[in-house]
Amino acid sequence: MMKLNTARWAGNIALLFTSMLGTIGVLEIGLRVTGLSDARPTPPPIYQESIDPQISYELKQTISVKAFRNTITTNRFGFRSPEIIVDKPLIAVLGDSITFGYGVANEETLPRRIEAYLGSGYQLLNTGVPGYTLGQEA
């Protein structure tokens, strides 16, 4: 008698999982066929294609757009820094999303904090772009 109940439970559980997988499969196929779901990533509107094939993408120039939980502002060169002041010594800070300041305000990025620590005698250029590799950064 006990084996019969165990077999019934095992059959019911197998039927449950088969039904769930079948339903998910039908929904997935339906969404892809109708075009309601797109599997391609949609990056925030702060990027543009680069003419340099080694880089492939770069930040847009002169934007102020809400992305990554904050407003991202870039200068006329496409860097997340204020405009360059010609009279001050300039230090470029290379990097990826950490240097860029993923998820933080413009004033809270690593280069801006270092700049505040150094004082007003220097300006730091934040050249960080999320997702860049060492080769792209250089």
Foldseek 3Di string as FASTA:
>chain_A
DVVVVVVVVVVVVVVVVVVVVVVVVVVVVVCVVVVVDDPDDDAPPQKDADPDPVQGIAGDAQDFDDDLNETQGHHRVRFSFHDDDPVAAEAEDFEECQQNPRNDYSCPHPQNVVDVVVDDRYHYTRRYYHPDDPVNRD
